[in-house]
Amino acid sequence: MNVIIVSKFLKTPRKLCLREPRIAALLFTAMLLLLGIGAATGYGIRAGIAGQSAQDIEALRLQIEQQQQAFEQTRSEAQRELNAMSVKLAELQAESNRINALGARLTKIARLDDGEFNFDEPPAVGGPERSSSRSQRPAAAPDGRQLGSSIDALSQQISMQTQQLILLESVLSDRELDASLLPAGMPVRTGYASSGYGRRADPFSGFGEFHRGVDFAGPRGSEIYTVADGVVQFAGRSNGYGNTVEIDHGNGYMTRYAHNDKNLVTVGDRVKAGQVIAKMGATGRATGTHLHFEVWLNGRVVNPNQYLRNARG
């Protein structure tokens, strides 16, 4: 087989005989070279593609690892928050139980009527609805947050119970204050009632008169006690009464302690129920040692017996 080669750079066409060993060897070598170049090029292309894929895979693996670490951190933080919320819930439950028990005891101590204070229900409140509030609706608790909702509900319950205790404390304070200011009990610890309230014969003239208090006879120097909290409005000598102490208890009440041997308080002193304010004597218009005790309400003298019978706890 002959091959004729025609080219501009050749003066004359050349003829190659493929049967010649040298020409066949050259052609075979050229073919091998071309095949080698092609194989190398393909390998290089495949290697480049493989290298890029490996980089992409490695980058994706690193991204997955980072996401997994972030997820683990988030889950750990969420678990810590849940643990803290569980502890808080337990604390609130214990506080609620304590407040409930305290409220029940206070209600019993105060002798309140059944149902007057109900610690299972919020205090009754009310008021006109504002126009701006009609369009507002309470947001529903998000799904999957039952623990948070329980804590919120328990916090509201404790807030309600606290309001109940504040109201109960106010009621007890008012009742205690009213009781402390109300004359009650005996103004002496020794002696006996020697003359009662009402009509009697005057011990000096023998004529009938109205006795405006109760007399308590006893040894000279016996202690005289105030029957309620108050402020001393008079302490000194009074015509017919001798050494006298008058105490204003508020709410229209005033008590008078007369014929004292010695007064132990002065005007403006604040006194407590059961406090010693004077010593029994026989000053003023008196036939002997005794205490003359009067109770006044809204400027009018009243029968002390109804207050003397109410012994203070």
Protein backbone atom coordinates (compact mmCIF):
# COMPACT_ATOMS: atom_id res chain seq x y z
CA MET A 1 0.00 0.00 0.00
CA ASN A 2 1.41 3.38 -1.03
CA VAL A 3 0.62 6.81 0.48
CA ILE A 4 1.24 9.95 -1.59
CA ILE A 5 1.98 13.10 0.43
CA VAL A 6 1.40 16.47 -1.25
CA SER A 7 2.41 19.67 0.58
CA LYS A 8 3.39 23.24 -0.24
CA PHE A 9 6.67 22.89 1.54
CA LEU A 10 7.56 19.83 -0.63
CA LYS A 11 8.81 20.57 -4.12
CA THR A 12 7.43 17.37 -5.45
CA PRO A 13 4.88 14.87 -4.05
CA ARG A 14 6.34 12.04 -2.10
CA LYS A 15 5.21 8.48 -2.08
CA LEU A 16 5.42 6.35 1.05
CA CYS A 17 5.14 2.63 1.01
CA LEU A 18 3.52 1.33 4.18
CA ARG A 19 5.09 -2.02 3.63
CA GLU A 20 8.48 -0.64 4.37
CA PRO A 21 9.46 -1.52 7.95
CA ARG A 22 10.74 1.94 8.74
CA ILE A 23 7.56 3.66 7.61
CA ALA A 24 5.36 1.17 9.43
CA ALA A 25 7.37 1.67 12.61
CA LEU A 26 6.99 5.45 12.37
CA LEU A 27 3.26 5.23 11.83
CA PHE A 28 2.87 2.79 14.69
CA THR A 29 4.91 5.05 16.94
CA ALA A 30 2.79 8.06 15.96
CA MET A 31 -0.40 6.17 16.69
CA LEU A 32 0.87 5.10 20.08
CA LEU A 33 1.84 8.69 20.81
CA LEU A 34 -1.60 9.94 19.86
CA LEU A 35 -3.27 7.26 21.97
CA GLY A 36 -1.01 8.11 24.92
CA ILE A 37 -1.80 11.80 24.63
CA GLY A 38 -5.52 11.02 24.50
CA ALA A 39 -5.34 8.69 27.48
CA ALA A 40 -3.35 11.23 29.47
CA THR A 41 -5.79 13.98 28.62
CA GLY A 42 -8.76 11.83 29.64
CA TYR A 43 -7.10 10.81 32.86
CA GLY A 44 -6.30 14.40 33.66
CA ILE A 45 -9.88 15.44 33.04
CA ARG A 46 -11.20 12.58 35.17
CA ALA A 47 -8.69 13.38 37.93
CA GLY A 48 -9.78 17.02 37.93
CA ILE A 49 -13.42 16.07 38.16
CA ALA A 50 -12.67 13.55 40.92
CA GLY A 51 -10.64 16.12 42.85
CA GLN A 52 -13.42 18.71 42.66
CA SER A 53 -15.97 16.13 43.79
CA ALA A 54 -13.78 15.16 46.74
CA GLN A 55 -13.53 18.81 47.78
CA ASP A 56 -17.30 19.22 47.52
CA ILE A 57 -17.86 16.08 49.58
CA GLU A 58 -15.39 17.23 52.23
CA ALA A 59 -17.04 20.65 52.43
CA LEU A 60 -20.46 19.02 52.76
CA ARG A 61 -19.17 16.71 55.50
CA LEU A 62 -17.77 19.68 57.46
CA GLN A 63 -21.08 21.52 57.08
CA ILE A 64 -23.00 18.50 58.37
CA GLU A 65 -20.64 18.22 61.35
CA GLN A 66 -21.13 21.90 62.18
CA GLN A 67 -24.90 21.57 61.95
CA GLN A 68 -24.79 18.50 64.16
CA GLN A 69 -22.70 20.35 66.76
CA ALA A 70 -25.11 23.28 66.67
CA PHE A 71 -28.04 20.91 67.10
CA GLU A 72 -26.38 19.18 70.05
CA GLN A 73 -25.66 22.56 71.67
CA THR A 74 -29.24 23.70 71.13
CA ARG A 75 -30.61 20.48 72.54
CA SER A 76 -28.31 20.77 75.57
CA GLU A 77 -29.43 24.35 76.21
CA ALA A 78 -33.07 23.36 75.80
CA GLN A 79 -32.60 20.54 78.29
CA ARG A 80 -31.04 22.91 80.80
CA GLU A 81 -33.95 25.31 80.36
CA LEU A 82 -36.43 22.48 80.84
CA ASN A 83 -34.62 21.39 84.01
CA ALA A 84 -34.69 24.95 85.32
CA MET A 85 -38.38 25.29 84.45
CA SER A 86 -39.12 22.00 86.23
CA VAL A 87 -37.34 23.23 89.35
CA LYS A 88 -39.21 26.54 89.15
CA LEU A 89 -42.51 24.71 88.75
CA ALA A 90 -41.79 22.62 91.85
CA GLU A 91 -40.90 25.77 93.82
CA LEU A 92 -44.10 27.51 92.72
CA GLN A 93 -46.18 24.47 93.66
CA ALA A 94 -44.61 24.38 97.12
CA GLU A 95 -45.19 28.12 97.54
CA SER A 96 -48.80 27.74 96.44
CA ASN A 97 -49.37 24.96 98.96
CA ARG A 98 -47.78 27.05 101.72
CA ILE A 99 -49.90 30.10 100.89
CA ASN A 100 -53.04 27.96 100.74
CA ALA A 101 -52.35 26.44 104.15
CA LEU A 102 -51.56 29.86 105.63
CA GLY A 103 -54.74 31.33 104.19
CA ALA A 104 -56.81 28.49 105.60
CA ARG A 105 -55.29 28.97 109.05
CA LEU A 106 -55.83 32.74 108.95
CA THR A 107 -59.43 32.24 107.85
CA LYS A 108 -60.00 29.86 110.76
CA ILE A 109 -58.27 32.15 113.25
CA ALA A 110 -60.28 35.13 112.01
CA ARG A 111 -63.49 33.08 112.33
CA LEU A 112 -64.63 34.26 108.93
CA ASP A 113 -67.85 32.92 107.52
CA ASP A 114 -67.59 29.93 105.19
CA GLY A 115 -67.11 31.16 101.66
CA GLU A 116 -66.12 34.68 102.67
CA PHE A 117 -62.60 33.93 101.49
CA ASN A 118 -62.22 31.23 98.85
CA PHE A 119 -58.59 30.57 97.99
CA ASP A 120 -59.58 28.43 95.02
CA GLU A 121 -61.04 31.39 93.13
CA PRO A 122 -59.64 34.83 92.28
CA PRO A 123 -61.06 37.88 94.09
CA ALA A 124 -64.07 39.41 92.35
CA VAL A 125 -63.10 42.46 90.29
CA GLY A 126 -64.78 44.47 87.57
CA GLY A 127 -64.89 47.68 85.64
CA PRO A 128 -66.06 49.20 82.35
CA GLU A 129 -64.65 47.75 79.15
CA ARG A 130 -62.44 50.11 77.21
CA SER A 131 -62.97 50.35 73.49
CA SER A 132 -59.29 49.70 72.79
CA SER A 133 -59.41 46.42 74.68
CA ARG A 134 -62.25 44.90 72.64
CA SER A 135 -60.03 44.17 69.68
CA GLN A 136 -57.36 42.54 71.83
CA ARG A 137 -57.52 38.82 72.40
CA PRO A 138 -55.28 36.80 74.70
CA ALA A 139 -52.66 34.87 72.77
CA ALA A 140 -52.97 31.11 72.90
CA ALA A 141 -50.14 29.15 74.44
CA PRO A 142 -47.82 27.76 71.74
CA ASP A 143 -48.04 24.06 71.08
CA GLY A 144 -45.37 21.92 72.72
CA ARG A 145 -44.87 24.29 75.68
CA GLN A 146 -47.06 22.64 78.27
CA LEU A 147 -44.43 23.10 80.97
CA GLY A 148 -44.20 26.82 80.34
CA SER A 149 -47.99 27.07 80.32
CA SER A 150 -48.14 25.23 83.65
CA ILE A 151 -45.66 27.65 85.17
CA ASP A 152 -47.63 30.64 83.88
CA ALA A 153 -50.88 29.22 85.23
CA LEU A 154 -49.33 28.48 88.61
CA SER A 155 -47.81 31.96 88.78
CA GLN A 156 -51.26 33.44 88.17
CA GLN A 157 -52.69 31.21 90.89
CA ILE A 158 -50.04 32.34 93.36
CA SER A 159 -50.69 35.96 92.41
CA MET A 160 -54.39 35.41 93.06
CA GLN A 161 -53.69 33.76 96.40
CA THR A 162 -51.40 36.62 97.36
CA GLN A 163 -54.21 39.07 96.66
CA GLN A 164 -56.48 36.97 98.84
CA LEU A 165 -53.95 37.05 101.68
CA ILE A 166 -53.56 40.81 101.34
CA LEU A 167 -57.33 41.23 101.58
CA LEU A 168 -57.49 38.81 104.50
CA GLU A 169 -54.67 40.63 106.26
CA SER A 170 -56.53 43.89 105.75
CA VAL A 171 -59.71 42.40 107.21
CA LEU A 172 -57.83 40.98 110.19
CA SER A 173 -56.02 44.27 110.73
CA ASP A 174 -59.29 46.19 110.63
CA ARG A 175 -60.95 43.74 112.99
CA GLU A 176 -57.97 43.73 115.32
CA LEU A 177 -57.83 47.53 115.23
CA ASP A 178 -61.55 47.84 115.89
CA ALA A 179 -61.31 45.32 118.70
CA SER A 180 -58.33 47.05 120.30
CA LEU A 181 -60.16 50.39 120.23
CA LEU A 182 -63.41 48.99 121.61
CA PRO A 183 -63.66 49.15 125.41
CA ALA A 184 -63.69 45.62 126.76
CA GLY A 185 -62.80 43.91 130.02
CA MET A 186 -62.22 45.09 133.55
CA PRO A 187 -60.21 48.20 134.49
CA VAL A 188 -59.04 46.52 137.73
CA ARG A 189 -57.62 43.12 138.62
CA THR A 190 -58.50 43.24 142.33
CA GLY A 191 -61.52 44.53 144.25
CA TYR A 192 -65.23 44.34 143.55
CA ALA A 193 -68.03 46.42 142.00
CA SER A 194 -69.32 48.49 144.89
CA SER A 195 -71.86 50.57 142.97
CA GLY A 196 -73.52 50.06 139.61
CA TYR A 197 -74.64 52.21 136.72
CA GLY A 198 -78.03 53.97 136.97
CA ARG A 199 -80.27 55.44 139.64
CA ARG A 200 -79.03 55.29 143.26
CA ALA A 201 -79.04 57.26 146.51
CA ASP A 202 -76.26 59.84 146.70
CA PRO A 203 -73.75 58.66 149.37
CA PHE A 204 -73.37 62.21 150.72
CA SER A 205 -76.87 63.73 150.47
CA GLY A 206 -79.02 60.62 150.42
CA PHE A 207 -81.10 62.04 147.59
CA GLY A 208 -81.70 60.05 144.42
CA GLU A 209 -79.25 60.64 141.62
CA PHE A 210 -78.13 59.03 138.37
CA HIS A 211 -74.76 57.30 138.71
CA ARG A 212 -73.01 57.59 135.34
CA GLY A 213 -70.45 54.83 135.88
CA VAL A 214 -69.46 51.75 137.85
CA ASP A 215 -67.45 51.91 141.09
CA PHE A 216 -64.79 49.32 141.93
CA ALA A 217 -63.62 49.22 145.56
CA GLY A 218 -60.17 47.93 146.44
CA PRO A 219 -56.96 48.57 148.36
CA ARG A 220 -55.31 51.94 147.95
CA GLY A 221 -52.61 51.86 145.30
CA SER A 222 -54.24 49.03 143.34
CA GLU A 223 -53.39 49.22 139.64
CA ILE A 224 -55.92 50.68 137.19
CA TYR A 225 -55.80 49.48 133.56
CA THR A 226 -57.07 51.05 130.37
CA VAL A 227 -59.70 48.90 128.69
CA ALA A 228 -58.73 49.77 125.09
CA ASP A 229 -56.02 51.38 122.97
CA GLY A 230 -56.17 55.13 122.74
CA VAL A 231 -54.65 58.53 123.45
CA VAL A 232 -54.76 60.32 126.80
CA GLN A 233 -56.86 63.47 126.33
CA PHE A 234 -56.93 64.51 129.98
CA ALA A 235 -54.84 63.67 133.05
CA GLY A 236 -55.20 65.84 136.15
CA ARG A 237 -57.55 67.11 138.83
CA SER A 238 -61.24 67.36 137.89
CA ASN A 239 -64.04 68.86 140.00
CA GLY A 240 -65.70 66.09 142.01
CA TYR A 241 -63.63 63.37 140.31
CA GLY A 242 -60.29 64.12 141.92
CA ASN A 243 -57.31 62.75 140.00
CA THR A 244 -58.79 61.69 136.67
CA VAL A 245 -57.58 60.13 133.42
CA GLU A 246 -59.64 60.37 130.23
CA ILE A 247 -58.69 58.34 127.16
CA ASP A 248 -59.95 58.91 123.63
CA HIS A 249 -60.25 55.57 121.78
CA GLY A 250 -61.52 56.90 118.47
CA ASN A 251 -64.77 55.92 116.77
CA GLY A 252 -66.57 58.14 119.30
CA TYR A 253 -65.44 56.19 122.38
CA MET A 254 -63.97 57.77 125.53
CA THR A 255 -63.35 56.20 128.95
CA ARG A 256 -62.89 57.99 132.29
CA TYR A 257 -60.99 56.73 135.36
CA ALA A 258 -61.57 58.87 138.48
CA HIS A 259 -60.69 59.26 142.20
CA ASN A 260 -57.17 58.03 141.49
CA ASP A 261 -54.48 58.24 144.11
CA LYS A 262 -51.91 58.87 141.37
CA ASN A 263 -52.03 59.27 137.60
CA LEU A 264 -49.24 57.48 135.68
CA VAL A 265 -49.86 58.99 132.23
CA THR A 266 -49.92 62.48 130.75
CA VAL A 267 -51.89 64.17 128.00
CA GLY A 268 -50.89 62.95 124.55
CA ASP A 269 -49.59 59.56 125.70
CA ARG A 270 -50.55 56.61 123.52
CA VAL A 271 -51.74 53.70 125.64
CA LYS A 272 -52.48 50.06 124.92
CA ALA A 273 -55.31 47.93 126.24
CA GLY A 274 -54.31 46.48 129.61
CA GLN A 275 -51.68 49.18 130.30
CA VAL A 276 -51.46 50.52 133.89
CA ILE A 277 -52.48 54.19 133.79
CA ALA A 278 -53.15 55.06 137.45
CA LYS A 279 -53.29 53.88 141.07
CA MET A 280 -56.57 53.51 142.97
CA GLY A 281 -57.29 56.18 145.57
CA ALA A 282 -59.98 58.32 147.19
CA THR A 283 -59.36 61.81 145.78
CA GLY A 284 -62.26 64.12 144.95
CA ARG A 285 -65.78 63.50 146.17
CA ALA A 286 -65.38 59.94 147.51
CA THR A 287 -66.24 58.14 150.72
CA GLY A 288 -63.36 55.68 150.38
CA THR A 289 -60.78 54.12 148.10
CA HIS A 290 -62.31 53.08 144.82
CA LEU A 291 -62.24 53.60 141.03
CA HIS A 292 -65.10 55.38 139.27
CA PHE A 293 -65.22 54.10 135.67
CA GLU A 294 -67.28 55.65 132.86
CA VAL A 295 -67.75 54.90 129.14
CA TRP A 296 -68.81 57.64 126.70
CA LEU A 297 -69.95 57.14 123.11
CA ASN A 298 -70.38 60.09 120.75
CA GLY A 299 -70.55 62.54 123.64
CA ARG A 300 -73.09 60.58 125.67
CA VAL A 301 -72.48 58.41 128.70
CA VAL A 302 -73.44 54.73 128.24
CA ASN A 303 -73.76 51.72 130.51
CA PRO A 304 -70.24 50.27 131.04
CA ASN A 305 -71.58 46.83 131.92
CA GLN A 306 -71.96 45.78 128.28
CA TYR A 307 -68.24 46.43 127.78
CA LEU A 308 -67.10 45.05 131.13
CA ARG A 309 -68.62 41.68 130.26
CA ASN A 310 -66.60 41.43 127.03
CA ALA A 311 -63.33 40.08 128.33
CA ARG A 312 -60.50 40.79 125.89
CA GLY A 313 -58.62 37.75 124.52
